[in-house]
N, C-alpha and C. Protein backbone atom coordinates (compact mmCIF):
# COMPACT_ATOMS: atom_id res chain seq x y z
N MET A 1 151.96 185.80 -54.17
CA MET A 1 151.37 186.92 -54.91
C MET A 1 149.84 186.82 -54.85
N ARG A 2 149.31 187.04 -53.70
CA ARG A 2 147.89 186.77 -53.49
C ARG A 2 147.00 187.80 -54.15
N LYS A 3 147.50 189.00 -54.46
CA LYS A 3 146.60 190.05 -54.93
C LYS A 3 146.65 190.26 -56.44
N ILE A 4 147.76 189.94 -57.09
CA ILE A 4 147.87 190.39 -58.47
C ILE A 4 148.08 189.26 -59.47
N PHE A 5 147.70 188.05 -59.13
CA PHE A 5 147.80 186.95 -60.09
C PHE A 5 147.01 187.23 -61.37
N PRO A 6 145.76 187.70 -61.28
CA PRO A 6 144.99 187.88 -62.52
C PRO A 6 145.04 189.28 -63.09
N ILE A 7 145.91 190.13 -62.57
CA ILE A 7 145.83 191.55 -62.91
C ILE A 7 146.11 191.82 -64.37
N PHE A 8 147.13 191.19 -64.95
CA PHE A 8 147.46 191.53 -66.33
C PHE A 8 146.30 191.21 -67.26
N PHE A 9 145.66 190.08 -67.03
CA PHE A 9 144.49 189.73 -67.85
C PHE A 9 143.38 190.76 -67.66
N ILE A 10 143.16 191.16 -66.41
CA ILE A 10 142.09 192.12 -66.12
C ILE A 10 142.38 193.46 -66.80
N ILE A 11 143.66 193.87 -66.77
CA ILE A 11 144.03 195.14 -67.41
C ILE A 11 143.71 195.11 -68.89
N LEU A 12 144.08 194.03 -69.56
CA LEU A 12 143.85 193.94 -71.00
C LEU A 12 142.37 193.93 -71.35
N VAL A 13 141.58 193.22 -70.55
CA VAL A 13 140.16 193.09 -70.84
C VAL A 13 139.40 194.36 -70.50
N SER A 14 139.80 195.01 -69.40
CA SER A 14 138.97 196.08 -68.86
C SER A 14 139.38 197.49 -69.26
N ALA A 15 140.63 197.68 -69.69
CA ALA A 15 141.11 199.04 -69.95
C ALA A 15 140.27 199.75 -70.99
N TYR A 16 139.74 198.99 -71.95
CA TYR A 16 138.97 199.60 -73.03
C TYR A 16 137.66 200.23 -72.54
N SER A 17 137.14 199.71 -71.43
CA SER A 17 135.83 200.16 -70.98
C SER A 17 135.89 201.22 -69.90
N LEU A 18 137.09 201.67 -69.52
CA LEU A 18 137.21 202.62 -68.42
C LEU A 18 136.50 203.94 -68.73
N SER A 19 136.77 204.46 -69.92
CA SER A 19 136.17 205.75 -70.27
C SER A 19 134.66 205.67 -70.28
N ALA A 20 134.14 204.57 -70.83
CA ALA A 20 132.69 204.41 -70.90
C ALA A 20 132.05 204.36 -69.52
N GLN A 21 132.80 203.82 -68.56
CA GLN A 21 132.27 203.70 -67.21
C GLN A 21 132.56 204.93 -66.35
N GLY A 22 133.32 205.87 -66.89
CA GLY A 22 133.66 207.06 -66.12
C GLY A 22 134.66 206.79 -65.03
N ILE A 23 135.50 205.76 -65.21
CA ILE A 23 136.50 205.41 -64.21
C ILE A 23 137.86 205.89 -64.70
N SER A 24 138.58 206.63 -63.85
CA SER A 24 139.89 207.12 -64.25
C SER A 24 140.90 205.99 -64.20
N ARG A 25 141.97 206.16 -64.96
CA ARG A 25 143.01 205.13 -65.01
C ARG A 25 143.65 204.90 -63.64
N MET A 26 143.85 205.99 -62.88
CA MET A 26 144.50 205.87 -61.58
C MET A 26 143.58 205.19 -60.57
N THR A 27 142.30 205.50 -60.64
CA THR A 27 141.34 204.84 -59.75
C THR A 27 141.30 203.35 -60.03
N TYR A 28 141.30 202.99 -61.30
CA TYR A 28 141.27 201.59 -61.69
C TYR A 28 142.55 200.88 -61.22
N PHE A 29 143.68 201.53 -61.40
CA PHE A 29 144.96 200.97 -60.98
C PHE A 29 144.96 200.69 -59.48
N ALA A 30 144.46 201.64 -58.69
CA ALA A 30 144.39 201.44 -57.24
C ALA A 30 143.45 200.31 -56.88
N ASN A 31 142.32 200.24 -57.57
CA ASN A 31 141.34 199.19 -57.28
C ASN A 31 141.89 197.80 -57.52
N LEU A 32 142.83 197.67 -58.44
CA LEU A 32 143.44 196.36 -58.71
C LEU A 32 144.09 195.77 -57.47
N PHE A 33 144.53 196.64 -56.58
CA PHE A 33 145.22 196.20 -55.37
C PHE A 33 144.33 196.32 -54.13
N GLY A 34 143.04 196.48 -54.37
CA GLY A 34 142.11 196.59 -53.25
C GLY A 34 142.15 197.93 -52.56
N LEU A 35 142.71 198.95 -53.23
CA LEU A 35 142.80 200.29 -52.65
C LEU A 35 141.73 201.18 -53.27
N SER A 36 141.18 202.06 -52.48
CA SER A 36 140.18 203.00 -52.98
C SER A 36 140.39 204.34 -52.30
N PHE A 37 139.87 205.39 -52.92
CA PHE A 37 140.02 206.72 -52.33
C PHE A 37 138.93 207.63 -52.86
N ASP A 38 138.77 208.72 -52.18
CA ASP A 38 137.80 209.76 -52.56
C ASP A 38 138.55 211.08 -52.60
N THR A 39 138.74 211.61 -53.80
CA THR A 39 139.54 212.83 -53.94
C THR A 39 138.86 214.06 -53.34
N ARG A 40 137.59 213.91 -52.95
CA ARG A 40 136.93 215.03 -52.26
C ARG A 40 137.46 215.20 -50.85
N GLN A 41 138.11 214.17 -50.34
CA GLN A 41 138.73 214.24 -49.02
C GLN A 41 140.16 214.75 -49.15
N GLU A 42 140.45 215.86 -48.53
CA GLU A 42 141.78 216.46 -48.64
C GLU A 42 142.81 215.64 -47.87
N ILE A 43 143.98 215.53 -48.46
CA ILE A 43 145.12 214.93 -47.77
C ILE A 43 145.79 216.03 -46.96
N PRO A 44 146.04 215.80 -45.67
CA PRO A 44 146.69 216.84 -44.86
C PRO A 44 148.02 217.29 -45.46
N GLN A 45 148.35 218.56 -45.27
CA GLN A 45 149.53 219.11 -45.94
C GLN A 45 150.81 218.39 -45.53
N ARG A 46 150.93 218.01 -44.28
CA ARG A 46 152.14 217.29 -43.84
C ARG A 46 152.33 216.03 -44.65
N GLU A 47 151.29 215.21 -44.71
CA GLU A 47 151.38 213.93 -45.42
C GLU A 47 151.55 214.15 -46.93
N LEU A 48 150.86 215.15 -47.47
CA LEU A 48 150.96 215.44 -48.90
C LEU A 48 152.37 215.87 -49.27
N SER A 49 152.98 216.67 -48.42
CA SER A 49 154.35 217.14 -48.69
C SER A 49 155.35 215.99 -48.60
N ILE A 50 155.11 215.05 -47.69
CA ILE A 50 155.98 213.87 -47.59
C ILE A 50 155.82 213.01 -48.85
N ILE A 51 154.59 212.84 -49.30
CA ILE A 51 154.34 212.08 -50.54
C ILE A 51 155.11 212.70 -51.69
N TYR A 52 155.02 214.01 -51.83
CA TYR A 52 155.71 214.70 -52.93
C TYR A 52 157.22 214.50 -52.82
N PHE A 53 157.76 214.63 -51.60
CA PHE A 53 159.20 214.46 -51.40
C PHE A 53 159.64 213.06 -51.83
N ILE A 54 158.88 212.04 -51.41
CA ILE A 54 159.25 210.66 -51.72
C ILE A 54 159.15 210.40 -53.22
N LEU A 55 158.10 210.90 -53.86
CA LEU A 55 158.00 210.76 -55.31
C LEU A 55 159.17 211.45 -56.02
N ASP A 56 159.53 212.61 -55.53
CA ASP A 56 160.60 213.40 -56.15
C ASP A 56 161.97 212.77 -55.94
N ASN A 57 162.09 211.91 -54.93
CA ASN A 57 163.37 211.30 -54.61
C ASN A 57 163.41 209.80 -54.90
N THR A 58 162.42 209.32 -55.65
CA THR A 58 162.43 207.91 -56.04
C THR A 58 163.31 207.74 -57.26
N GLU A 59 164.56 207.34 -57.01
CA GLU A 59 165.51 207.13 -58.09
C GLU A 59 165.20 205.80 -58.79
N GLU A 60 165.37 205.76 -60.08
CA GLU A 60 165.03 204.57 -60.84
C GLU A 60 166.24 203.66 -60.99
N TYR A 61 166.55 202.96 -59.90
CA TYR A 61 167.66 202.01 -59.94
C TYR A 61 167.15 200.58 -60.09
N HIS A 62 166.34 200.14 -59.13
CA HIS A 62 165.89 198.75 -59.14
C HIS A 62 165.03 198.42 -60.38
N ILE A 63 164.29 199.39 -60.87
CA ILE A 63 163.45 199.09 -62.03
C ILE A 63 164.26 198.88 -63.30
N HIS A 64 165.54 199.28 -63.26
CA HIS A 64 166.44 199.03 -64.39
C HIS A 64 167.49 197.97 -64.06
N CYS A 65 167.27 197.24 -62.97
CA CYS A 65 168.21 196.18 -62.56
C CYS A 65 167.45 194.90 -62.21
N MET A 66 166.41 194.61 -62.96
CA MET A 66 165.62 193.43 -62.64
C MET A 66 166.32 192.15 -63.10
N ARG A 67 165.88 191.05 -62.48
CA ARG A 67 166.37 189.70 -62.80
C ARG A 67 167.88 189.57 -62.65
N GLY A 68 168.38 190.15 -61.56
CA GLY A 68 169.76 189.91 -61.17
C GLY A 68 170.80 190.85 -61.72
N GLU A 69 170.42 191.77 -62.59
CA GLU A 69 171.42 192.72 -63.09
C GLU A 69 171.80 193.70 -61.97
N GLU A 70 173.04 194.14 -61.99
CA GLU A 70 173.54 195.03 -60.94
C GLU A 70 174.33 196.18 -61.55
N GLN A 71 174.35 197.28 -60.82
CA GLN A 71 175.19 198.44 -61.14
C GLN A 71 174.86 199.10 -62.47
N ASN A 72 173.63 198.91 -62.95
CA ASN A 72 173.22 199.67 -64.13
C ASN A 72 173.09 201.14 -63.77
N GLN A 73 173.48 202.00 -64.68
CA GLN A 73 173.42 203.45 -64.47
C GLN A 73 172.36 204.06 -65.38
N VAL A 74 171.60 205.01 -64.83
CA VAL A 74 170.48 205.61 -65.56
C VAL A 74 170.78 207.08 -65.83
N PHE A 75 170.61 207.48 -67.09
CA PHE A 75 170.83 208.86 -67.49
C PHE A 75 169.61 209.34 -68.28
N VAL A 76 169.17 210.58 -67.98
CA VAL A 76 168.03 211.16 -68.68
C VAL A 76 168.51 212.32 -69.53
N ASN A 77 168.31 212.21 -70.84
CA ASN A 77 168.71 213.29 -71.75
C ASN A 77 167.70 214.44 -71.68
N THR A 78 168.11 215.57 -72.23
CA THR A 78 167.25 216.75 -72.19
C THR A 78 165.95 216.56 -72.96
N ASP A 79 165.96 215.64 -73.95
CA ASP A 79 164.74 215.40 -74.73
C ASP A 79 163.83 214.35 -74.07
N GLY A 80 164.23 213.87 -72.88
CA GLY A 80 163.40 212.91 -72.15
C GLY A 80 163.76 211.46 -72.37
N THR A 81 164.64 211.17 -73.32
CA THR A 81 165.04 209.78 -73.53
C THR A 81 165.90 209.31 -72.35
N VAL A 82 165.66 208.08 -71.93
CA VAL A 82 166.38 207.50 -70.80
C VAL A 82 167.37 206.48 -71.33
N VAL A 83 168.63 206.65 -70.98
CA VAL A 83 169.69 205.74 -71.40
C VAL A 83 170.17 204.98 -70.18
N VAL A 84 170.24 203.66 -70.31
CA VAL A 84 170.73 202.82 -69.22
C VAL A 84 172.01 202.14 -69.68
N LEU A 85 173.08 202.28 -68.89
CA LEU A 85 174.36 201.65 -69.19
C LEU A 85 174.65 200.59 -68.13
N ASP A 86 175.25 199.48 -68.55
CA ASP A 86 175.62 198.45 -67.58
C ASP A 86 176.93 198.83 -66.90
N LYS A 87 177.43 197.96 -66.03
CA LYS A 87 178.62 198.28 -65.25
C LYS A 87 179.88 198.40 -66.11
N HIS A 88 179.80 197.96 -67.36
CA HIS A 88 180.91 198.12 -68.30
C HIS A 88 180.69 199.29 -69.25
N ASN A 89 179.67 200.10 -68.95
CA ASN A 89 179.31 201.28 -69.77
C ASN A 89 178.79 200.92 -71.15
N ASN A 90 178.27 199.71 -71.29
CA ASN A 90 177.60 199.32 -72.53
C ASN A 90 176.11 199.59 -72.42
N PRO A 91 175.47 200.02 -73.51
CA PRO A 91 174.02 200.28 -73.45
C PRO A 91 173.23 199.01 -73.11
N VAL A 92 172.27 199.16 -72.21
CA VAL A 92 171.38 198.05 -71.86
C VAL A 92 170.24 198.05 -72.88
N THR A 93 170.01 196.93 -73.53
CA THR A 93 169.01 196.89 -74.59
C THR A 93 167.88 195.90 -74.30
N ASN A 94 167.92 195.25 -73.15
CA ASN A 94 166.87 194.28 -72.82
C ASN A 94 165.73 194.95 -72.07
N TYR A 95 164.99 194.21 -71.28
CA TYR A 95 163.84 194.72 -70.52
C TYR A 95 164.23 195.76 -69.47
N ASN A 96 165.52 195.90 -69.18
CA ASN A 96 165.98 196.93 -68.23
C ASN A 96 166.35 198.24 -68.92
N ARG A 97 166.16 198.30 -70.21
CA ARG A 97 166.56 199.50 -70.95
C ARG A 97 165.67 200.70 -70.59
N GLY A 98 166.12 201.86 -71.00
CA GLY A 98 165.34 203.06 -70.79
C GLY A 98 164.37 203.28 -71.95
N THR A 99 163.39 204.13 -71.71
CA THR A 99 162.44 204.50 -72.75
C THR A 99 162.43 206.02 -72.88
N ILE A 100 161.28 206.60 -73.09
CA ILE A 100 161.17 208.06 -73.20
C ILE A 100 160.23 208.56 -72.10
N ARG A 101 160.66 209.55 -71.37
CA ARG A 101 159.81 210.15 -70.34
C ARG A 101 158.84 211.13 -70.99
N ILE A 102 157.58 210.92 -70.71
CA ILE A 102 156.55 211.78 -71.26
C ILE A 102 156.31 212.99 -70.37
N ALA A 103 156.38 212.77 -69.06
CA ALA A 103 156.12 213.86 -68.11
C ALA A 103 157.17 214.94 -68.24
N ARG A 104 156.75 216.16 -67.99
CA ARG A 104 157.70 217.27 -68.05
C ARG A 104 158.68 217.17 -66.88
N LYS A 105 159.81 217.81 -67.04
CA LYS A 105 160.86 217.78 -66.02
C LYS A 105 160.35 218.39 -64.71
N ASN A 106 160.83 217.86 -63.59
CA ASN A 106 160.48 218.35 -62.26
C ASN A 106 158.99 218.23 -61.96
N ASP A 107 158.39 217.16 -62.46
CA ASP A 107 156.98 216.87 -62.18
C ASP A 107 156.87 215.42 -61.73
N PRO A 108 157.24 215.13 -60.47
CA PRO A 108 157.27 213.73 -60.01
C PRO A 108 155.90 213.06 -59.99
N ILE A 109 154.84 213.84 -59.75
CA ILE A 109 153.51 213.25 -59.77
C ILE A 109 153.13 212.86 -61.20
N GLY A 110 153.36 213.77 -62.14
CA GLY A 110 153.09 213.48 -63.54
C GLY A 110 153.95 212.33 -64.06
N HIS A 111 155.18 212.23 -63.56
CA HIS A 111 156.06 211.15 -64.00
C HIS A 111 155.49 209.79 -63.61
N PHE A 112 154.85 209.73 -62.43
CA PHE A 112 154.29 208.44 -62.04
C PHE A 112 153.13 208.05 -62.95
N ILE A 113 152.18 208.95 -63.16
CA ILE A 113 150.97 208.58 -63.90
C ILE A 113 151.25 208.43 -65.39
N LEU A 114 152.20 209.19 -65.94
CA LEU A 114 152.45 209.14 -67.39
C LEU A 114 153.53 208.14 -67.78
N ASP A 115 154.46 207.88 -66.88
CA ASP A 115 155.60 207.03 -67.24
C ASP A 115 155.67 205.74 -66.41
N THR A 116 155.65 205.88 -65.10
CA THR A 116 155.88 204.72 -64.24
C THR A 116 154.69 203.77 -64.20
N GLN A 117 153.50 204.30 -64.02
CA GLN A 117 152.33 203.42 -63.90
C GLN A 117 152.07 202.61 -65.18
N PRO A 118 152.17 203.19 -66.38
CA PRO A 118 152.04 202.37 -67.59
C PRO A 118 153.13 201.30 -67.69
N TRP A 119 154.35 201.65 -67.24
CA TRP A 119 155.43 200.66 -67.27
C TRP A 119 155.13 199.50 -66.31
N ILE A 120 154.62 199.80 -65.11
CA ILE A 120 154.26 198.73 -64.17
C ILE A 120 153.23 197.81 -64.82
N ASN A 121 152.28 198.39 -65.52
CA ASN A 121 151.22 197.59 -66.15
C ASN A 121 151.76 196.74 -67.31
N PHE A 122 152.56 197.34 -68.18
CA PHE A 122 152.85 196.70 -69.47
C PHE A 122 154.34 196.46 -69.77
N GLY A 123 155.25 196.99 -68.94
CA GLY A 123 156.67 196.85 -69.24
C GLY A 123 157.13 197.81 -70.31
N VAL A 124 158.33 197.58 -70.85
CA VAL A 124 158.89 198.52 -71.84
C VAL A 124 158.24 198.36 -73.21
N ASP A 125 157.75 197.15 -73.51
CA ASP A 125 157.02 196.93 -74.76
C ASP A 125 156.30 195.59 -74.67
N SER A 126 155.66 195.21 -75.75
CA SER A 126 154.84 193.99 -75.73
C SER A 126 155.65 192.71 -75.58
N SER A 127 156.97 192.79 -75.82
CA SER A 127 157.81 191.60 -75.69
C SER A 127 158.52 191.52 -74.34
N ASP A 128 158.24 192.45 -73.44
CA ASP A 128 158.87 192.47 -72.12
C ASP A 128 158.53 191.18 -71.37
N PRO A 129 159.54 190.39 -70.98
CA PRO A 129 159.26 189.11 -70.33
C PRO A 129 158.99 189.21 -68.83
N THR A 130 159.27 190.39 -68.25
CA THR A 130 159.05 190.53 -66.81
C THR A 130 157.55 190.60 -66.51
N THR A 131 157.19 190.22 -65.30
CA THR A 131 155.79 190.21 -64.89
C THR A 131 155.44 191.50 -64.17
N ILE A 132 154.16 191.76 -64.04
CA ILE A 132 153.73 192.94 -63.30
C ILE A 132 154.18 192.85 -61.84
N GLU A 133 154.25 191.62 -61.31
CA GLU A 133 154.73 191.44 -59.95
C GLU A 133 156.19 191.87 -59.81
N GLU A 134 157.01 191.47 -60.78
CA GLU A 134 158.42 191.84 -60.74
C GLU A 134 158.60 193.35 -60.84
N ARG A 135 157.85 193.95 -61.75
CA ARG A 135 158.00 195.40 -61.97
C ARG A 135 157.52 196.19 -60.76
N LEU A 136 156.41 195.77 -60.17
CA LEU A 136 155.91 196.46 -58.98
C LEU A 136 156.88 196.32 -57.82
N GLU A 137 157.41 195.13 -57.64
CA GLU A 137 158.36 194.90 -56.55
C GLU A 137 159.61 195.76 -56.73
N ALA A 138 160.11 195.84 -57.96
CA ALA A 138 161.28 196.67 -58.24
C ALA A 138 160.98 198.14 -57.94
N TYR A 139 159.80 198.60 -58.34
CA TYR A 139 159.44 199.99 -58.09
C TYR A 139 159.33 200.26 -56.59
N LEU A 140 158.73 199.34 -55.85
CA LEU A 140 158.59 199.54 -54.41
C LEU A 140 159.94 199.58 -53.71
N LYS A 141 160.91 198.87 -54.24
CA LYS A 141 162.27 198.94 -53.68
C LYS A 141 162.85 200.34 -53.88
N ASP A 142 162.57 200.94 -55.03
CA ASP A 142 163.03 202.32 -55.26
C ASP A 142 162.30 203.30 -54.35
N VAL A 143 161.01 203.06 -54.13
CA VAL A 143 160.26 203.89 -53.18
C VAL A 143 160.83 203.74 -51.78
N GLN A 144 161.17 202.52 -51.42
CA GLN A 144 161.76 202.27 -50.10
C GLN A 144 163.05 203.07 -49.91
N ASN A 145 163.86 203.14 -50.96
CA ASN A 145 165.08 203.94 -50.88
C ASN A 145 164.77 205.41 -50.69
N ALA A 146 163.71 205.89 -51.33
CA ALA A 146 163.32 207.30 -51.17
C ALA A 146 162.83 207.57 -49.75
N ILE A 147 162.15 206.60 -49.17
CA ILE A 147 161.72 206.73 -47.77
C ILE A 147 162.95 206.83 -46.87
N PHE A 148 163.95 206.02 -47.17
CA PHE A 148 165.20 206.06 -46.40
C PHE A 148 165.83 207.45 -46.49
N VAL A 149 165.83 208.03 -47.70
CA VAL A 149 166.37 209.39 -47.87
C VAL A 149 165.58 210.37 -47.02
N PHE A 150 164.27 210.26 -47.05
CA PHE A 150 163.43 211.16 -46.26
C PHE A 150 163.74 211.05 -44.77
N LEU A 151 163.92 209.84 -44.31
CA LEU A 151 164.10 209.62 -42.86
C LEU A 151 165.51 209.96 -42.38
N PHE A 152 166.53 209.62 -43.17
CA PHE A 152 167.89 209.63 -42.64
C PHE A 152 168.87 210.56 -43.35
N HIS A 153 168.54 211.06 -44.54
CA HIS A 153 169.50 211.88 -45.28
C HIS A 153 169.07 213.33 -45.46
N ARG A 154 167.94 213.69 -44.89
CA ARG A 154 167.43 215.05 -45.10
C ARG A 154 168.14 216.07 -44.22
N LYS A 155 168.63 215.64 -43.08
CA LYS A 155 169.34 216.51 -42.14
C LYS A 155 168.49 217.70 -41.72
N ASN A 156 167.20 217.41 -41.49
CA ASN A 156 166.25 218.44 -41.01
C ASN A 156 166.00 219.57 -42.00
N ASP A 157 166.42 219.38 -43.25
CA ASP A 157 166.11 220.38 -44.28
C ASP A 157 164.59 220.41 -44.48
N PRO A 158 164.00 221.60 -44.58
CA PRO A 158 162.55 221.66 -44.79
C PRO A 158 162.16 221.07 -46.14
N ILE A 159 161.03 220.38 -46.18
CA ILE A 159 160.57 219.83 -47.44
C ILE A 159 159.57 220.79 -48.08
N LYS A 160 159.42 220.68 -49.38
CA LYS A 160 158.52 221.56 -50.12
C LYS A 160 157.09 221.34 -49.64
N GLN A 161 156.41 222.43 -49.31
CA GLN A 161 155.04 222.34 -48.83
C GLN A 161 154.07 222.33 -50.02
N ILE A 162 153.24 221.31 -50.07
CA ILE A 162 152.29 221.14 -51.17
C ILE A 162 150.87 221.34 -50.64
N SER A 163 150.08 222.11 -51.37
CA SER A 163 148.69 222.36 -50.99
C SER A 163 147.76 221.52 -51.86
N TYR A 164 146.85 220.81 -51.23
CA TYR A 164 145.94 219.93 -51.95
C TYR A 164 145.10 220.70 -52.96
N SER A 165 144.69 221.90 -52.61
CA SER A 165 143.82 222.68 -53.49
C SER A 165 144.53 223.12 -54.77
N ASP A 166 145.85 223.06 -54.79
CA ASP A 166 146.61 223.46 -55.97
C ASP A 166 146.76 222.32 -56.99
N LEU A 167 146.36 221.10 -56.60
CA LEU A 167 146.52 219.95 -57.47
C LEU A 167 145.33 219.80 -58.41
N ASP A 168 145.59 219.30 -59.63
CA ASP A 168 144.48 218.98 -60.51
C ASP A 168 143.94 217.60 -60.15
N GLN A 169 142.89 217.17 -60.81
CA GLN A 169 142.20 215.94 -60.43
C GLN A 169 143.11 214.72 -60.54
N VAL A 170 143.87 214.62 -61.61
CA VAL A 170 144.75 213.46 -61.80
C VAL A 170 145.84 213.43 -60.73
N ASP A 171 146.41 214.59 -60.44
CA ASP A 171 147.44 214.66 -59.40
C ASP A 171 146.88 214.26 -58.04
N LYS A 172 145.65 214.65 -57.78
CA LYS A 172 145.02 214.27 -56.52
C LYS A 172 144.86 212.75 -56.42
N GLU A 173 144.51 212.13 -57.54
CA GLU A 173 144.34 210.68 -57.54
C GLU A 173 145.67 209.97 -57.28
N VAL A 174 146.74 210.45 -57.92
CA VAL A 174 148.06 209.86 -57.68
C VAL A 174 148.45 210.01 -56.22
N CYS A 175 148.23 211.18 -55.66
CA CYS A 175 148.61 211.43 -54.27
C CYS A 175 147.78 210.59 -53.31
N HIS A 176 146.52 210.35 -53.64
CA HIS A 176 145.70 209.49 -52.79
C HIS A 176 146.20 208.04 -52.85
N PHE A 177 146.66 207.60 -54.02
CA PHE A 177 147.22 206.26 -54.13
C PHE A 177 148.42 206.12 -53.20
N PHE A 178 149.29 207.13 -53.20
CA PHE A 178 150.47 207.07 -52.34
C PHE A 178 150.12 207.34 -50.88
N TYR A 179 149.06 208.05 -50.64
CA TYR A 179 148.59 208.23 -49.26
C TYR A 179 148.18 206.87 -48.69
N GLN A 180 147.51 206.07 -49.51
CA GLN A 180 147.15 204.72 -49.08
C GLN A 180 148.40 203.86 -48.89
N MET A 181 149.38 204.06 -49.75
CA MET A 181 150.61 203.28 -49.67
C MET A 181 151.44 203.63 -48.44
N LEU A 182 151.59 204.92 -48.17
CA LEU A 182 152.51 205.38 -47.13
C LEU A 182 151.87 205.59 -45.77
N PHE A 183 150.58 205.90 -45.77
CA PHE A 183 149.90 206.23 -44.51
C PHE A 183 148.65 205.38 -44.30
N ASN A 184 148.71 204.15 -44.76
CA ASN A 184 147.53 203.29 -44.69
C ASN A 184 147.09 203.09 -43.24
N LYS A 185 145.81 203.22 -43.00
CA LYS A 185 145.27 203.14 -41.63
C LYS A 185 145.45 201.76 -41.01
N SER A 186 145.70 200.74 -41.85
CA SER A 186 145.86 199.39 -41.32
C SER A 186 147.25 199.14 -40.75
N TYR A 187 148.20 200.05 -41.02
CA TYR A 187 149.57 199.84 -40.57
C TYR A 187 149.66 199.96 -39.05
N LYS A 188 150.38 199.04 -38.45
CA LYS A 188 150.64 199.14 -37.01
C LYS A 188 151.69 200.21 -36.72
N ILE A 189 152.60 200.39 -37.68
CA ILE A 189 153.63 201.42 -37.55
C ILE A 189 153.31 202.54 -38.53
N GLN A 190 152.89 203.67 -38.02
CA GLN A 190 152.53 204.81 -38.85
C GLN A 190 153.72 205.76 -39.00
N LEU A 191 153.71 206.54 -40.06
CA LEU A 191 154.80 207.48 -40.31
C LEU A 191 154.52 208.81 -39.60
N THR A 192 154.41 208.72 -38.29
CA THR A 192 154.19 209.91 -37.48
C THR A 192 155.53 210.53 -37.09
N ASP A 193 155.49 211.78 -36.63
CA ASP A 193 156.73 212.42 -36.19
C ASP A 193 157.36 211.65 -35.03
N GLU A 194 156.53 211.13 -34.15
CA GLU A 194 157.04 210.36 -33.01
C GLU A 194 157.76 209.10 -33.49
N ASN A 195 157.15 208.39 -34.44
CA ASN A 195 157.79 207.17 -34.95
C ASN A 195 159.03 207.47 -35.78
N ILE A 196 159.03 208.60 -36.48
CA ILE A 196 160.22 208.99 -37.23
C ILE A 196 161.39 209.20 -36.27
N ALA A 197 161.12 209.84 -35.14
CA ALA A 197 162.17 210.02 -34.12
C ALA A 197 162.64 208.67 -33.59
N ARG A 198 161.72 207.75 -33.42
CA ARG A 198 162.07 206.41 -32.94
C ARG A 198 162.90 205.66 -33.99
N MET A 199 162.59 205.88 -35.28
CA MET A 199 163.34 205.20 -36.35
C MET A 199 164.79 205.64 -36.37
N HIS A 200 165.05 206.89 -35.99
CA HIS A 200 166.43 207.37 -35.95
C HIS A 200 167.23 206.64 -34.88
N LYS A 201 166.56 206.21 -33.84
CA LYS A 201 167.23 205.47 -32.77
C LYS A 201 167.25 203.98 -33.04
N SER A 202 166.28 203.51 -33.83
CA SER A 202 166.18 202.08 -34.14
C SER A 202 165.80 201.90 -35.61
N PRO A 203 166.80 201.85 -36.50
CA PRO A 203 166.52 201.67 -37.94
C PRO A 203 165.70 200.43 -38.24
N ASN A 204 165.70 199.46 -37.32
CA ASN A 204 164.87 198.27 -37.50
C ASN A 204 163.41 198.62 -37.67
N LEU A 205 163.00 199.70 -37.00
CA LEU A 205 161.61 200.14 -37.08
C LEU A 205 161.28 200.63 -38.48
N TRP A 206 162.25 201.25 -39.15
CA TRP A 206 162.07 201.67 -40.55
C TRP A 206 161.84 200.46 -41.43
N ALA A 207 162.63 199.41 -41.22
CA ALA A 207 162.48 198.19 -42.02
C ALA A 207 161.10 197.57 -41.81
N LYS A 208 160.62 197.59 -40.58
CA LYS A 208 159.29 197.03 -40.29
C LYS A 208 158.19 197.87 -40.93
N TYR A 209 158.39 199.19 -40.92
CA TYR A 209 157.42 200.08 -41.57
C TYR A 209 157.35 199.76 -43.07
N CYS A 210 158.51 199.65 -43.73
CA CYS A 210 158.54 199.37 -45.16
C CYS A 210 157.96 198.00 -45.48
N HIS A 211 158.15 197.05 -44.59
CA HIS A 211 157.61 195.71 -44.80
C HIS A 211 156.09 195.75 -44.94
N GLN A 212 155.47 196.68 -44.22
CA GLN A 212 154.01 196.83 -44.31
C GLN A 212 153.58 197.23 -45.71
N ILE A 213 154.38 198.07 -46.37
CA ILE A 213 154.05 198.52 -47.71
C ILE A 213 154.05 197.34 -48.68
N PHE A 214 155.10 196.51 -48.59
CA PHE A 214 155.15 195.34 -49.47
C PHE A 214 153.99 194.38 -49.18
N ASN A 215 153.63 194.25 -47.91
CA ASN A 215 152.51 193.37 -47.55
C ASN A 215 151.19 193.91 -48.08
N LEU A 216 151.10 195.20 -48.30
CA LEU A 216 149.88 195.80 -48.82
C LEU A 216 149.60 195.32 -50.25
N PHE A 217 150.66 195.05 -50.98
CA PHE A 217 150.52 194.68 -52.40
C PHE A 217 150.74 193.20 -52.68
N PHE A 218 151.49 192.53 -51.80
CA PHE A 218 151.82 191.13 -52.07
C PHE A 218 151.31 190.22 -50.97
């Protein structure tokens, strides 16, 4: 864990001064992992639409199955409360339990900044024994599954086209964070149309692409 050993301490010490310094929460979160962005630079529509698709298809399985738990089921009530049941249909009440979704329904970008990112930082509450490393790794596994859906389960269905100019400032910051995650210039394997076609013939290439994402953070 070369990048995030001191992160929790830094979050606690520095979060109070973000507003005074004019630093947004998302910018600070990205900086913790050595990532930076400039929202004045537009993300191309192709890449932006892929980011939106992956965010919209990131199912919350691994983040509710940490530390060896398996087959937990996640249900979201109409009021936003998240209920997690174990494989015997008993409510999960430990660190894998559900909380309350703040973001409005069908807003995957808002869900990340309002619900997921605070959970990665702090867990479900102050007594959560899991580490930021564990939570981030679990979330990246769910993102990896969404990438798999994008690559292999879409069946050439068109994805929703997103325009950068239609996003507000916070949404732009979230999308830039995922642009760095999914389309980082340092990757040897880029998510180009040519490589996507190659991944269909060699799923191993998909695994190598995803490995780059984990290496970006760990």
